[in-house]
Amino acid sequence: MKLKTAQIGKCGELLVQYELLRLGIESAPMTTDTGVDLVAYSPARKEAITIQIKTTWEPKRSGSGKGKAAIGCLVRDPVPASLVALVDLSSEEVWLFTRDEFKQHAQQHRPGKLQLYMYTDPRVKPRLKGLMHSWQFAGFAISKCASKLFGI
């Protein structure tokens, strides 16, 4: 069954909310599309933290559909939210980046846009240097970085 784009986005938003709630972090969705999808509250820091969520149904082949499978997203630059969550629904994985981390690890920087992607096949030999495979982004998994980001 293929979901509509809005349904895929909502699934990603709910998965992020679920993962945050498991960690004791309350969050609420925004009703308007301004580049901020959730606002989470950090009780330890006593502050609200904005999150933009980018969701994929499953890894997609790069380029014109003939390249290697990757999970990725494109965001506005400057990033409107404090955090960017990248969600892969096929594996139910959530990665969480600060605005600066996202910009640092984005492989493509175009005027007004940043693109970050991760190859899902560990055998892929990337042409670029830096983090390129999903396993290399393990430190950005929500379960690993939430304590640092939310002070829990």
Protein backbone atom coordinates (compact mmCIF):
# COMPACT_ATOMS: atom_id res chain seq x y z
CA MET A 1 0.00 0.00 0.00
CA LYS A 2 1.36 3.40 -0.97
CA LEU A 3 0.57 6.32 1.31
CA LYS A 4 0.13 9.90 0.17
CA THR A 5 2.93 12.37 0.86
CA ALA A 6 0.99 14.08 3.67
CA GLN A 7 0.32 10.69 5.31
CA ILE A 8 4.01 9.77 5.15
CA GLY A 9 4.89 13.10 6.76
CA LYS A 10 2.31 12.61 9.51
CA CYS A 11 3.67 9.10 10.21
CA GLY A 12 7.16 10.57 10.62
CA GLU A 13 5.86 13.28 12.92
CA LEU A 14 4.05 10.72 15.08
CA LEU A 15 7.11 8.46 15.22
CA VAL A 16 9.25 11.38 16.43
CA GLN A 17 6.60 12.29 19.04
CA TYR A 18 6.47 8.66 20.18
CA GLU A 19 10.25 8.41 20.54
CA LEU A 20 10.40 11.71 22.43
CA LEU A 21 7.57 10.69 24.75
CA ARG A 22 9.38 7.40 25.52
CA LEU A 23 12.25 9.61 26.70
CA GLY A 24 9.95 11.79 28.83
CA ILE A 25 9.81 14.72 26.39
CA GLU A 26 6.40 16.23 25.64
CA SER A 27 5.82 17.66 22.17
CA ALA A 28 3.02 19.13 20.11
CA PRO A 29 2.53 19.51 16.35
CA MET A 30 2.29 22.90 14.70
CA THR A 31 -0.87 23.67 12.75
CA THR A 32 0.81 25.82 10.08
CA ASP A 33 3.64 24.90 7.74
CA THR A 34 6.48 27.28 8.54
CA GLY A 35 9.33 24.75 8.51
CA VAL A 36 8.63 23.79 12.12
CA ASP A 37 6.64 20.58 12.58
CA LEU A 38 6.89 19.97 16.34
CA VAL A 39 7.61 21.99 19.42
CA ALA A 40 9.11 19.88 22.22
CA TYR A 41 9.52 20.99 25.81
CA SER A 42 12.72 20.24 27.68
CA PRO A 43 11.85 20.16 31.39
CA ALA A 44 15.55 20.06 32.33
CA ARG A 45 16.34 23.18 30.31
CA LYS A 46 12.91 24.75 30.85
CA GLU A 47 12.69 25.72 27.19
CA ALA A 48 10.77 24.91 24.04
CA ILE A 49 12.73 23.39 21.17
CA THR A 50 11.50 23.51 17.57
CA ILE A 51 11.88 20.50 15.26
CA GLN A 52 11.56 20.17 11.51
CA ILE A 53 10.81 16.60 10.41
CA LYS A 54 11.70 15.07 7.06
CA THR A 55 10.31 11.59 6.40
CA THR A 56 10.95 8.95 3.76
CA TRP A 57 8.79 5.90 3.19
CA GLU A 58 11.86 3.85 2.23
CA PRO A 59 15.33 4.42 0.80
CA LYS A 60 15.30 5.73 -2.77
CA ARG A 61 17.78 5.27 -5.56
CA SER A 62 19.88 8.38 -6.03
CA GLY A 63 20.33 10.34 -9.23
CA SER A 64 17.80 9.47 -11.90
CA GLY A 65 16.76 6.30 -10.11
CA LYS A 66 19.77 4.24 -11.19
CA GLY A 67 22.10 5.14 -8.31
CA LYS A 68 22.57 3.55 -4.92
CA ALA A 69 19.73 3.46 -2.38
CA ALA A 70 19.83 6.28 0.16
CA ILE A 71 17.73 8.03 2.79
CA GLY A 72 17.85 11.76 2.54
CA CYS A 73 16.18 15.12 2.75
CA LEU A 74 16.31 18.64 1.49
CA VAL A 75 15.77 21.59 3.86
CA ARG A 76 15.76 25.35 3.57
CA ASP A 77 18.92 27.23 4.45
CA PRO A 78 18.84 28.80 6.94
CA VAL A 79 17.07 25.94 8.72
CA PRO A 80 13.98 27.41 10.42
CA ALA A 81 13.90 24.98 13.38
CA SER A 82 16.46 24.34 16.13
CA LEU A 83 16.56 20.62 15.28
CA VAL A 84 16.04 18.55 12.14
CA ALA A 85 14.69 15.00 12.45
CA LEU A 86 15.26 12.60 9.57
CA VAL A 87 12.87 9.62 9.64
CA ASP A 88 12.97 6.37 7.64
CA LEU A 89 9.61 4.66 8.04
CA SER A 90 10.78 1.36 6.51
CA SER A 91 13.21 0.84 9.41
CA GLU A 92 11.40 3.12 11.90
CA GLU A 93 14.70 4.92 12.51
CA VAL A 94 14.89 8.55 13.63
CA TRP A 95 18.03 10.67 13.47
CA LEU A 96 18.13 14.08 15.17
CA PHE A 97 20.50 16.91 14.21
CA THR A 98 21.00 20.41 15.52
CA ARG A 99 20.75 23.08 12.84
CA ASP A 100 24.56 23.39 12.80
CA GLU A 101 25.15 19.62 12.69
CA PHE A 102 22.76 19.28 9.77
CA LYS A 103 24.56 22.03 7.87
CA GLN A 104 27.97 20.54 8.69
CA HIS A 105 27.04 17.04 7.46
CA ALA A 106 24.89 18.02 4.47
CA GLN A 107 26.66 16.82 1.35
CA GLN A 108 25.03 19.38 -0.93
CA HIS A 109 24.91 23.11 -0.29
CA ARG A 110 22.95 25.12 -2.85
CA PRO A 111 21.68 28.67 -2.53
CA GLY A 112 18.87 28.49 0.02
CA LYS A 113 18.94 24.67 0.29
CA LEU A 114 20.84 21.93 2.11
CA GLN A 115 20.67 18.23 1.26
CA LEU A 116 21.80 15.44 3.56
CA TYR A 117 21.66 11.78 2.58
CA MET A 118 22.83 8.42 3.88
CA TYR A 119 23.53 5.32 1.82
CA THR A 120 21.82 2.26 3.26
CA ASP A 121 24.12 -0.31 1.64
CA PRO A 122 27.44 -0.41 3.57
CA ARG A 123 29.22 -1.67 0.42
CA VAL A 124 28.68 1.61 -1.44
CA LYS A 125 31.95 3.42 -2.09
CA PRO A 126 31.06 7.13 -1.93
CA ARG A 127 32.91 9.75 -3.98
CA LEU A 128 32.71 12.35 -1.20
CA LYS A 129 34.49 12.34 2.16
CA GLY A 130 32.68 12.56 5.51
CA LEU A 131 29.67 10.71 6.88
CA MET A 132 27.92 8.97 4.01
CA HIS A 133 26.43 5.67 5.29
CA SER A 134 23.49 5.29 7.65
CA TRP A 135 25.63 3.33 10.14
CA GLN A 136 28.05 6.28 10.35
CA PHE A 137 25.19 8.46 11.62
CA ALA A 138 24.50 6.13 14.60
CA GLY A 139 25.46 8.88 17.06
CA PHE A 140 22.58 10.97 15.74
CA ALA A 141 19.96 8.28 16.49
CA ILE A 142 17.32 9.90 18.68
CA SER A 143 17.97 7.41 21.49
CA LYS A 144 21.68 8.36 21.52
CA CYS A 145 21.53 12.15 21.23
CA ALA A 146 18.31 13.14 23.06
CA SER A 147 20.06 13.39 26.43
CA LYS A 148 22.49 15.96 25.04
CA LEU A 149 19.83 17.90 23.11
CA PHE A 150 17.12 17.93 25.79
CA GLY A 151 19.23 17.72 28.94
CA ILE A 152 17.69 14.46 30.15
